Amino acid sequence: MSGTWFTAIQLVRSRDGQGSPDILLQGWIAPGEGPQKLQSYFRNGPFAQQMLIPLELENATQIHSEAIDPALLCWMTTLLVPFGGFRAADVKAGETVVVSGATGHFASAAVAVALAMGARRVIALGRNRASLDVLVNIFGNRVTGVVLTGRPNVDERNTKEAGDNRVDCVLDILPPISDPSPVVAAAMSVRAGGRVVLMGGVDADVYLPYKPIMRNSIRVYGQYMYDSRAPQLLAGLISSGQLPLDPFHVDRYPLEDIAEAVRHAGDTGGAFHLTVVLPNE
């Protein structure tokens, strides 16, 4: 069908139990008895000429565009994760957003998504000044980098100042770390009535101060991946040009070189880098 590309998203939800559906990441993880049953039918990932996926709209998204490189559309799988977090917190145009752990693969994509959604300013938190400067150079003066010091009170203060004490939403999308202090510092930078979204891989319990959160009416959300409407909406941001894919790099490998592609991905992963396996024509 001319001008139409299809992208399969690796998140699969069960048809029944929509209040608490069984969820698996196809070809990757299926935690729990229900997801294991799903995986018995949809057990293979996209390293194949054809991929078996459920028919429902939330599992396959139709995109109409003649201008977008289909290999670049594979970035949707990454971009959808922070998009799901921002949607959970109902981020609106004109707001100030903090991205905690902003220099990683998903978190750097979160900066691009927040800007596409109309954020007035994005405060990018990270430990590496050079990596933060890359974000500012790519996305411009709507992005402010804040280097974390490891001292929660200092990091909280610096984040607040960078956002003029009007941080509307914090998206925590840190990788698997055992120290939860950056989560707390970022969360406590939010304004009264603000929102905090937890969707990273932090491998520790996080203790948030009860009274400040209660007295300031701060809402805390846990979000796993994204809702069923997110793929179609994100596709609209991309095809309309609001979310340009220019900063995102793709290395292409033919399907027969899958082993080399996996090795390459392990050597060159990180922010703005993705390895894509192309089906045979």
C-alpha atoms as a PDB file:
ATOM      1  CA  MET A   1       0.000   0.000   0.000  1.00  0.00           C
ATOM      2  CA  SER A   2       1.820   3.111  -1.243  1.00  0.00           C
ATOM      3  CA  GLY A   3       2.687   5.683   1.387  1.00  0.00           C
ATOM      4  CA  THR A   4       1.816   3.390   4.293  1.00  0.00           C
ATOM      5  CA  TRP A   5       4.276   1.787   6.641  1.00  0.00           C
ATOM      6  CA  PHE A   6       3.512  -0.588   9.465  1.00  0.00           C
ATOM      7  CA  THR A   7       5.531  -0.803  12.641  1.00  0.00           C
ATOM      8  CA  ALA A   8       5.121  -3.632  15.136  1.00  0.00           C
ATOM      9  CA  ILE A   9       5.470  -2.554  18.753  1.00  0.00           C
ATOM     10  CA  GLN A  10       6.998  -5.089  21.126  1.00  0.00           C
ATOM     11  CA  LEU A  11       4.515  -4.388  23.942  1.00  0.00           C
ATOM     12  CA  VAL A  12       1.682  -6.946  23.833  1.00  0.00           C
ATOM     13  CA  ARG A  13      -1.439  -6.697  26.019  1.00  0.00           C
ATOM     14  CA  SER A  14      -4.037  -9.387  26.531  1.00  0.00           C
ATOM     15  CA  ARG A  15      -7.496  -8.827  25.049  1.00  0.00           C
ATOM     16  CA  ASP A  16      -9.350  -9.640  28.277  1.00  0.00           C
ATOM     17  CA  GLY A  17      -8.847  -8.181  31.749  1.00  0.00           C
ATOM     18  CA  GLN A  18      -8.444  -4.628  30.505  1.00  0.00           C
ATOM     19  CA  GLY A  19      -8.461  -3.300  34.057  1.00  0.00           C
ATOM     20  CA  SER A  20      -5.232  -5.186  34.738  1.00  0.00           C
ATOM     21  CA  PRO A  21      -4.173  -6.854  31.475  1.00  0.00           C
ATOM     22  CA  ASP A  22      -1.428  -9.405  31.115  1.00  0.00           C
ATOM     23  CA  ILE A  23       1.545  -7.725  29.444  1.00  0.00           C
ATOM     24  CA  LEU A  24       4.689  -9.027  27.797  1.00  0.00           C
ATOM     25  CA  LEU A  25       7.524  -7.427  25.875  1.00  0.00           C
ATOM     26  CA  GLN A  26       7.570  -9.700  22.847  1.00  0.00           C
ATOM     27  CA  GLY A  27      10.802 -11.569  22.360  1.00  0.00           C
ATOM     28  CA  TRP A  28      12.132 -10.179  25.617  1.00  0.00           C
ATOM     29  CA  ILE A  29      10.348 -10.619  28.978  1.00  0.00           C
ATOM     30  CA  ALA A  30       7.050 -12.111  30.146  1.00  0.00           C
ATOM     31  CA  PRO A  31       6.867 -11.911  33.966  1.00  0.00           C
ATOM     32  CA  GLY A  32       4.094 -13.916  35.627  1.00  0.00           C
ATOM     33  CA  GLU A  33       1.736 -16.786  34.773  1.00  0.00           C
ATOM     34  CA  GLY A  34      -0.571 -14.756  32.499  1.00  0.00           C
ATOM     35  CA  PRO A  35       2.211 -13.219  30.382  1.00  0.00           C
ATOM     36  CA  GLN A  36       3.809 -16.660  30.089  1.00  0.00           C
ATOM     37  CA  LYS A  37       0.582 -17.934  28.503  1.00  0.00           C
ATOM     38  CA  LEU A  38       0.623 -14.985  26.097  1.00  0.00           C
ATOM     39  CA  GLN A  39       4.228 -15.763  25.248  1.00  0.00           C
ATOM     40  CA  SER A  40       3.306 -19.333  24.312  1.00  0.00           C
ATOM     41  CA  TYR A  41       1.450 -17.832  21.314  1.00  0.00           C
ATOM     42  CA  PHE A  42       3.538 -14.724  20.630  1.00  0.00           C
ATOM     43  CA  ARG A  43       6.920 -16.028  21.712  1.00  0.00           C
ATOM     44  CA  ASN A  44       9.170 -14.680  18.969  1.00  0.00           C
ATOM     45  CA  GLY A  45      10.538 -11.182  18.549  1.00  0.00           C
ATOM     46  CA  PRO A  46      11.274  -9.179  15.388  1.00  0.00           C
ATOM     47  CA  PHE A  47      14.487 -10.950  14.317  1.00  0.00           C
ATOM     48  CA  ALA A  48      12.580 -12.584  11.470  1.00  0.00           C
ATOM     49  CA  GLN A  49      11.291 -11.987   7.960  1.00  0.00           C
ATOM     50  CA  GLN A  50       7.748 -11.934   9.337  1.00  0.00           C
ATOM     51  CA  MET A  51       6.554 -11.309  12.896  1.00  0.00           C
ATOM     52  CA  LEU A  52       3.451 -12.735  14.558  1.00  0.00           C
ATOM     53  CA  ILE A  53       1.556 -10.103  16.555  1.00  0.00           C
ATOM     54  CA  PRO A  54      -2.021  -9.705  17.821  1.00  0.00           C
ATOM     55  CA  LEU A  55      -4.448  -8.004  15.474  1.00  0.00           C
ATOM     56  CA  GLU A  56      -5.681  -5.350  17.922  1.00  0.00           C
ATOM     57  CA  LEU A  57      -4.801  -1.707  17.241  1.00  0.00           C
ATOM     58  CA  GLU A  58      -2.735  -1.309  20.404  1.00  0.00           C
ATOM     59  CA  ASN A  59      -0.314  -3.986  19.203  1.00  0.00           C
ATOM     60  CA  ALA A  60       0.190  -2.780  15.615  1.00  0.00           C
ATOM     61  CA  THR A  61       0.150   0.796  14.395  1.00  0.00           C
ATOM     62  CA  GLN A  62      -0.516   1.982  10.840  1.00  0.00           C
ATOM     63  CA  ILE A  63       1.482   5.030   9.798  1.00  0.00           C
ATOM     64  CA  HIS A  64       0.821   7.053   6.658  1.00  0.00           C
ATOM     65  CA  SER A  65       3.899   8.813   5.386  1.00  0.00           C
ATOM     66  CA  GLU A  66       6.007   8.725   2.261  1.00  0.00           C
ATOM     67  CA  ALA A  67       8.732  10.877   3.798  1.00  0.00           C
ATOM     68  CA  ILE A  68       9.794   8.827   6.832  1.00  0.00           C
ATOM     69  CA  ASP A  69      12.520   6.192   6.504  1.00  0.00           C
ATOM     70  CA  PRO A  70      10.899   2.977   7.840  1.00  0.00           C
ATOM     71  CA  ALA A  71      14.142   2.010   9.604  1.00  0.00           C
ATOM     72  CA  LEU A  72      13.962   5.263  11.570  1.00  0.00           C
ATOM     73  CA  LEU A  73      10.453   4.356  12.677  1.00  0.00           C
ATOM     74  CA  CYS A  74      12.006   1.609  14.785  1.00  0.00           C
ATOM     75  CA  TRP A  75      12.843   4.436  17.176  1.00  0.00           C
ATOM     76  CA  MET A  76       9.150   4.448  18.067  1.00  0.00           C
ATOM     77  CA  THR A  77       9.782   1.535  20.418  1.00  0.00           C
ATOM     78  CA  THR A  78      12.156   3.741  22.416  1.00  0.00           C
ATOM     79  CA  LEU A  79      10.208   6.990  22.133  1.00  0.00           C
ATOM     80  CA  LEU A  80       6.967   5.354  23.233  1.00  0.00           C
ATOM     81  CA  VAL A  81       8.314   4.611  26.712  1.00  0.00           C
ATOM     82  CA  PRO A  82       8.773   8.233  27.884  1.00  0.00           C
ATOM     83  CA  PHE A  83       5.714   9.245  25.852  1.00  0.00           C
ATOM     84  CA  GLY A  84       3.718   6.815  27.982  1.00  0.00           C
ATOM     85  CA  GLY A  85       5.127   8.370  31.132  1.00  0.00           C
ATOM     86  CA  PHE A  86       4.293  11.915  30.092  1.00  0.00           C
ATOM     87  CA  ARG A  87       0.783  10.859  29.071  1.00  0.00           C
ATOM     88  CA  ALA A  88       0.249   9.255  32.474  1.00  0.00           C
ATOM     89  CA  ALA A  89       1.050  12.611  34.083  1.00  0.00           C
ATOM     90  CA  ASP A  90      -0.993  14.552  31.508  1.00  0.00           C
ATOM     91  CA  VAL A  91       1.911  16.797  30.511  1.00  0.00           C
ATOM     92  CA  LYS A  92       0.668  19.904  28.728  1.00  0.00           C
ATOM     93  CA  ALA A  93       2.187  22.408  26.330  1.00  0.00           C
ATOM     94  CA  GLY A  94       3.952  25.243  28.141  1.00  0.00           C
ATOM     95  CA  GLU A  95       4.967  23.215  31.200  1.00  0.00           C
ATOM     96  CA  THR A  96       8.436  22.723  32.648  1.00  0.00           C
ATOM     97  CA  VAL A  97       9.555  19.099  32.745  1.00  0.00           C
ATOM     98  CA  VAL A  98      12.460  17.376  34.504  1.00  0.00           C
ATOM     99  CA  VAL A  99      13.992  14.232  32.985  1.00  0.00           C
ATOM    100  CA  SER A 100      15.965  12.330  35.608  1.00  0.00           C
ATOM    101  CA  GLY A 101      18.800  10.278  34.150  1.00  0.00           C
ATOM    102  CA  ALA A 102      18.605  12.233  30.915  1.00  0.00           C
ATOM    103  CA  THR A 103      21.724  10.912  29.168  1.00  0.00           C
ATOM    104  CA  GLY A 104      20.632   7.275  28.747  1.00  0.00           C
ATOM    105  CA  HIS A 105      18.997   5.629  25.742  1.00  0.00           C
ATOM    106  CA  PHE A 106      15.385   6.083  26.858  1.00  0.00           C
ATOM    107  CA  ALA A 107      15.922   9.266  28.851  1.00  0.00           C
ATOM    108  CA  SER A 108      17.603  11.182  26.038  1.00  0.00           C
ATOM    109  CA  ALA A 109      14.619  10.216  23.896  1.00  0.00           C
ATOM    110  CA  ALA A 110      12.415  11.590  26.691  1.00  0.00           C
ATOM    111  CA  VAL A 111      13.935  15.035  26.144  1.00  0.00           C
ATOM    112  CA  ALA A 112      12.906  14.939  22.471  1.00  0.00           C
ATOM    113  CA  VAL A 113       9.411  13.716  23.349  1.00  0.00           C
ATOM    114  CA  ALA A 114       8.852  16.405  25.985  1.00  0.00           C
ATOM    115  CA  LEU A 115       9.805  19.124  23.506  1.00  0.00           C
ATOM    116  CA  ALA A 116       7.528  17.630  20.844  1.00  0.00           C
ATOM    117  CA  MET A 117       4.674  17.683  23.351  1.00  0.00           C
ATOM    118  CA  GLY A 118       5.218  21.399  23.825  1.00  0.00           C
ATOM    119  CA  ALA A 119       7.270  21.637  27.007  1.00  0.00           C
ATOM    120  CA  ARG A 120       8.405  25.196  27.633  1.00  0.00           C
ATOM    121  CA  ARG A 121      11.595  23.934  29.223  1.00  0.00           C
ATOM    122  CA  VAL A 122      13.211  20.560  29.841  1.00  0.00           C
ATOM    123  CA  ILE A 123      15.612  20.195  32.769  1.00  0.00           C
ATOM    124  CA  ALA A 124      17.958  17.315  31.953  1.00  0.00           C
ATOM    125  CA  LEU A 125      19.608  15.696  34.999  1.00  0.00           C
ATOM    126  CA  GLY A 126      22.765  13.602  34.715  1.00  0.00           C
ATOM    127  CA  ARG A 127      26.252  13.051  36.073  1.00  0.00           C
ATOM    128  CA  ASN A 128      28.189  13.752  32.890  1.00  0.00           C
ATOM    129  CA  ARG A 129      28.466  17.390  31.803  1.00  0.00           C
ATOM    130  CA  ALA A 130      29.667  16.516  28.297  1.00  0.00           C
ATOM    131  CA  SER A 131      26.654  14.261  27.692  1.00  0.00           C
ATOM    132  CA  LEU A 132      24.284  16.949  28.962  1.00  0.00           C
ATOM    133  CA  ASP A 133      25.935  19.476  26.661  1.00  0.00           C
ATOM    134  CA  VAL A 134      25.215  17.153  23.725  1.00  0.00           C
ATOM    135  CA  LEU A 135      21.502  17.368  24.546  1.00  0.00           C
ATOM    136  CA  VAL A 136      21.630  21.165  24.681  1.00  0.00           C
ATOM    137  CA  ASN A 137      23.537  21.309  21.384  1.00  0.00           C
ATOM    138  CA  ILE A 138      20.989  19.047  19.674  1.00  0.00           C
ATOM    139  CA  PHE A 139      17.768  20.508  21.062  1.00  0.00           C
ATOM    140  CA  GLY A 140      18.633  24.134  21.784  1.00  0.00           C
ATOM    141  CA  ASN A 141      17.981  26.583  24.581  1.00  0.00           C
ATOM    142  CA  ARG A 142      14.712  24.992  25.718  1.00  0.00           C
ATOM    143  CA  VAL A 143      16.925  22.340  27.355  1.00  0.00           C
ATOM    144  CA  THR A 144      18.936  23.059  30.499  1.00  0.00           C
ATOM    145  CA  GLY A 145      21.452  20.526  31.792  1.00  0.00           C
ATOM    146  CA  VAL A 146      21.987  20.086  35.533  1.00  0.00           C
ATOM    147  CA  VAL A 147      24.965  18.034  36.707  1.00  0.00           C
ATOM    148  CA  LEU A 148      24.147  15.866  39.710  1.00  0.00           C
ATOM    149  CA  THR A 149      26.549  16.180  42.643  1.00  0.00           C
ATOM    150  CA  GLY A 150      25.431  13.140  44.623  1.00  0.00           C
ATOM    151  CA  ARG A 151      24.242  15.409  47.440  1.00  0.00           C
ATOM    152  CA  PRO A 152      20.423  15.249  47.401  1.00  0.00           C
ATOM    153  CA  ASN A 153      19.799  18.659  48.977  1.00  0.00           C
ATOM    154  CA  VAL A 154      22.149  20.355  46.520  1.00  0.00           C
ATOM    155  CA  ASP A 155      20.725  18.481  43.542  1.00  0.00           C
ATOM    156  CA  GLU A 156      17.173  19.365  44.585  1.00  0.00           C
ATOM    157  CA  ARG A 157      18.068  23.026  44.924  1.00  0.00           C
ATOM    158  CA  ASN A 158      19.922  23.167  41.609  1.00  0.00           C
ATOM    159  CA  THR A 159      17.008  21.508  39.805  1.00  0.00           C
ATOM    160  CA  LYS A 160      14.491  23.927  41.290  1.00  0.00           C
ATOM    161  CA  GLU A 161      16.631  26.912  40.311  1.00  0.00           C
ATOM    162  CA  ALA A 162      17.030  25.619  36.747  1.00  0.00           C
ATOM    163  CA  GLY A 163      13.233  25.457  36.503  1.00  0.00           C
ATOM    164  CA  ASP A 164      12.651  28.848  38.150  1.00  0.00           C
ATOM    165  CA  ASN A 165      10.961  26.973  41.017  1.00  0.00           C
ATOM    166  CA  ARG A 166       8.113  26.001  38.657  1.00  0.00           C
ATOM    167  CA  VAL A 167       8.811  22.375  37.780  1.00  0.00           C
ATOM    168  CA  ASP A 168       5.461  20.893  36.722  1.00  0.00           C
ATOM    169  CA  CYS A 169       6.437  17.279  36.128  1.00  0.00           C
ATOM    170  CA  VAL A 170       9.367  14.976  36.886  1.00  0.00           C
ATOM    171  CA  LEU A 171       9.928  11.869  34.774  1.00  0.00           C
ATOM    172  CA  ASP A 172      12.274   9.442  36.497  1.00  0.00           C
ATOM    173  CA  ILE A 173      13.653   7.036  33.915  1.00  0.00           C
ATOM    174  CA  LEU A 174      16.951   6.111  35.544  1.00  0.00           C
ATOM    175  CA  PRO A 175      18.701   2.835  34.643  1.00  0.00           C
ATOM    176  CA  PRO A 176      19.131  -0.016  37.163  1.00  0.00           C
ATOM    177  CA  ILE A 177      21.000   1.661  40.011  1.00  0.00           C
ATOM    178  CA  SER A 178      21.034   0.777  43.698  1.00  0.00           C
ATOM    179  CA  ASP A 179      21.182   4.333  45.047  1.00  0.00           C
ATOM    180  CA  PRO A 180      17.692   5.901  45.118  1.00  0.00           C
ATOM    181  CA  SER A 181      18.853   9.367  46.217  1.00  0.00           C
ATOM    182  CA  PRO A 182      18.670  10.901  42.691  1.00  0.00           C
ATOM    183  CA  VAL A 183      15.019   9.826  42.524  1.00  0.00           C
ATOM    184  CA  VAL A 184      14.180  11.636  45.750  1.00  0.00           C
ATOM    185  CA  ALA A 185      16.131  14.778  44.809  1.00  0.00           C
ATOM    186  CA  ALA A 186      14.349  15.029  41.460  1.00  0.00           C
ATOM    187  CA  ALA A 187      10.917  14.252  42.915  1.00  0.00           C
ATOM    188  CA  MET A 188      11.208  16.926  45.578  1.00  0.00           C
ATOM    189  CA  SER A 189      12.051  19.592  42.998  1.00  0.00           C
ATOM    190  CA  VAL A 190       8.473  19.599  41.711  1.00  0.00           C
ATOM    191  CA  ARG A 191       6.162  22.529  42.516  1.00  0.00           C
ATOM    192  CA  ALA A 192       3.067  22.319  44.681  1.00  0.00           C
ATOM    193  CA  GLY A 193       0.413  20.461  42.710  1.00  0.00           C
ATOM    194  CA  GLY A 194       3.041  18.943  40.429  1.00  0.00           C
ATOM    195  CA  ARG A 195       3.474  15.355  39.274  1.00  0.00           C
ATOM    196  CA  VAL A 196       6.173  12.718  39.538  1.00  0.00           C
ATOM    197  CA  VAL A 197       6.318   9.668  37.238  1.00  0.00           C
ATOM    198  CA  LEU A 198       8.381   6.603  38.190  1.00  0.00           C
ATOM    199  CA  MET A 199       9.153   4.358  35.224  1.00  0.00           C
ATOM    200  CA  GLY A 200      12.881   3.652  35.406  1.00  0.00           C
ATOM    201  CA  GLY A 201      14.830   0.590  36.496  1.00  0.00           C
ATOM    202  CA  VAL A 202      15.983   1.695  39.958  1.00  0.00           C
ATOM    203  CA  ASP A 203      16.808  -1.426  41.938  1.00  0.00           C
ATOM    204  CA  ALA A 204      16.008  -0.087  45.403  1.00  0.00           C
ATOM    205  CA  ASP A 205      13.086   1.062  47.496  1.00  0.00           C
ATOM    206  CA  VAL A 206      12.462   4.792  47.366  1.00  0.00           C
ATOM    207  CA  TYR A 207      11.320   6.648  50.469  1.00  0.00           C
ATOM    208  CA  LEU A 208       9.558   9.917  49.721  1.00  0.00           C
ATOM    209  CA  PRO A 209       8.842  12.366  52.560  1.00  0.00           C
ATOM    210  CA  TYR A 210       5.189  12.028  53.510  1.00  0.00           C
ATOM    211  CA  LYS A 211       4.310  15.492  54.802  1.00  0.00           C
ATOM    212  CA  PRO A 212       5.787  17.626  51.978  1.00  0.00           C
ATOM    213  CA  ILE A 213       4.085  15.435  49.377  1.00  0.00           C
ATOM    214  CA  MET A 214       0.764  15.572  51.216  1.00  0.00           C
ATOM    215  CA  ARG A 215       0.872  19.286  52.036  1.00  0.00           C
ATOM    216  CA  ASN A 216       1.883  20.260  48.501  1.00  0.00           C
ATOM    217  CA  SER A 217      -0.654  17.955  46.807  1.00  0.00           C
ATOM    218  CA  ILE A 218       2.068  16.251  44.765  1.00  0.00           C
ATOM    219  CA  ARG A 219       0.852  13.309  42.681  1.00  0.00           C
ATOM    220  CA  VAL A 220       3.118  10.293  42.223  1.00  0.00           C
ATOM    221  CA  TYR A 221       2.481   7.865  39.355  1.00  0.00           C
ATOM    222  CA  GLY A 222       3.964   4.501  38.553  1.00  0.00           C
ATOM    223  CA  GLN A 223       3.878   3.812  34.804  1.00  0.00           C
ATOM    224  CA  TYR A 224       4.899   0.669  32.950  1.00  0.00           C
ATOM    225  CA  MET A 225       5.390   1.340  29.247  1.00  0.00           C
ATOM    226  CA  TYR A 226       2.398   3.128  27.634  1.00  0.00           C
ATOM    227  CA  ASP A 227      -1.355   3.025  27.088  1.00  0.00           C
ATOM    228  CA  SER A 228      -3.105   1.585  24.033  1.00  0.00           C
ATOM    229  CA  ARG A 229      -3.614   4.956  22.282  1.00  0.00           C
ATOM    230  CA  ALA A 230       0.000   6.041  22.615  1.00  0.00           C
ATOM    231  CA  PRO A 231       1.422   4.431  19.414  1.00  0.00           C
ATOM    232  CA  GLN A 232      -1.104   6.136  17.143  1.00  0.00           C
ATOM    233  CA  LEU A 233      -0.650   9.496  18.859  1.00  0.00           C
ATOM    234  CA  LEU A 234       3.140   9.278  18.760  1.00  0.00           C
ATOM    235  CA  ALA A 235       2.971   8.337  15.083  1.00  0.00           C
ATOM    236  CA  GLY A 236       0.998  11.544  14.569  1.00  0.00           C
ATOM    237  CA  LEU A 237       3.701  13.615  16.263  1.00  0.00           C
ATOM    238  CA  ILE A 238       6.321  12.061  14.005  1.00  0.00           C
ATOM    239  CA  SER A 239       4.434  12.254  10.706  1.00  0.00           C
ATOM    240  CA  SER A 240       3.402  15.878  11.387  1.00  0.00           C
ATOM    241  CA  GLY A 241       7.013  16.913  11.969  1.00  0.00           C
ATOM    242  CA  GLN A 242       6.482  17.888  15.608  1.00  0.00           C
ATOM    243  CA  LEU A 243       8.842  15.088  16.632  1.00  0.00           C
ATOM    244  CA  PRO A 244      11.648  15.093  14.066  1.00  0.00           C
ATOM    245  CA  LEU A 245      13.784  11.976  13.943  1.00  0.00           C
ATOM    246  CA  ASP A 246      16.869  13.794  12.635  1.00  0.00           C
ATOM    247  CA  PRO A 247      18.888  13.424  15.879  1.00  0.00           C
ATOM    248  CA  PHE A 248      18.347   9.670  16.011  1.00  0.00           C
ATOM    249  CA  HIS A 249      20.911   7.453  14.321  1.00  0.00           C
ATOM    250  CA  VAL A 250      20.237   4.018  12.817  1.00  0.00           C
ATOM    251  CA  ASP A 251      22.786   1.372  11.835  1.00  0.00           C
ATOM    252  CA  ARG A 252      21.246  -1.084   9.356  1.00  0.00           C
ATOM    253  CA  TYR A 253      22.054  -4.782   9.006  1.00  0.00           C
ATOM    254  CA  PRO A 254      20.469  -7.391   6.713  1.00  0.00           C
ATOM    255  CA  LEU A 255      18.637 -10.249   8.408  1.00  0.00           C
ATOM    256  CA  GLU A 256      21.301 -12.782   7.445  1.00  0.00           C
ATOM    257  CA  ASP A 257      23.867 -10.772   9.458  1.00  0.00           C
ATOM    258  CA  ILE A 258      21.826 -10.899  12.667  1.00  0.00           C
ATOM    259  CA  ALA A 259      24.738 -12.153  14.810  1.00  0.00           C
ATOM    260  CA  GLU A 260      26.938  -9.253  13.709  1.00  0.00           C
ATOM    261  CA  ALA A 261      24.056  -6.838  14.285  1.00  0.00           C
ATOM    262  CA  VAL A 262      23.677  -8.022  17.884  1.00  0.00           C
ATOM    263  CA  ARG A 263      27.418  -7.646  18.479  1.00  0.00           C
ATOM    264  CA  HIS A 264      27.356  -4.169  16.963  1.00  0.00           C
ATOM    265  CA  ALA A 265      24.397  -3.136  19.112  1.00  0.00           C
ATOM    266  CA  GLY A 266      26.261  -4.226  22.239  1.00  0.00           C
ATOM    267  CA  ASP A 267      29.312  -2.185  21.249  1.00  0.00           C
ATOM    268  CA  THR A 268      27.565   1.012  20.123  1.00  0.00           C
ATOM    269  CA  GLY A 269      24.402   1.343  22.214  1.00  0.00           C
ATOM    270  CA  GLY A 270      23.428   4.435  24.139  1.00  0.00           C
ATOM    271  CA  ALA A 271      21.819   7.763  23.455  1.00  0.00           C
ATOM    272  CA  PHE A 272      20.705   8.347  19.852  1.00  0.00           C
ATOM    273  CA  HIS A 273      22.091   5.020  18.566  1.00  0.00           C
ATOM    274  CA  LEU A 274      19.967   2.095  17.402  1.00  0.00           C
ATOM    275  CA  THR A 275      20.794  -1.035  15.432  1.00  0.00           C
ATOM    276  CA  VAL A 276      18.066  -2.190  13.046  1.00  0.00           C
ATOM    277  CA  VAL A 277      17.785  -5.549  11.265  1.00  0.00           C
ATOM    278  CA  LEU A 278      16.152  -5.191   7.862  1.00  0.00           C
ATOM    279  CA  PRO A 279      13.977  -7.953   6.357  1.00  0.00           C
ATOM    280  CA  ASN A 280      14.904  -9.329   2.972  1.00  0.00           C
ATOM    281  CA  GLU A 281      13.121  -7.633   0.094  1.00  0.00           C
END
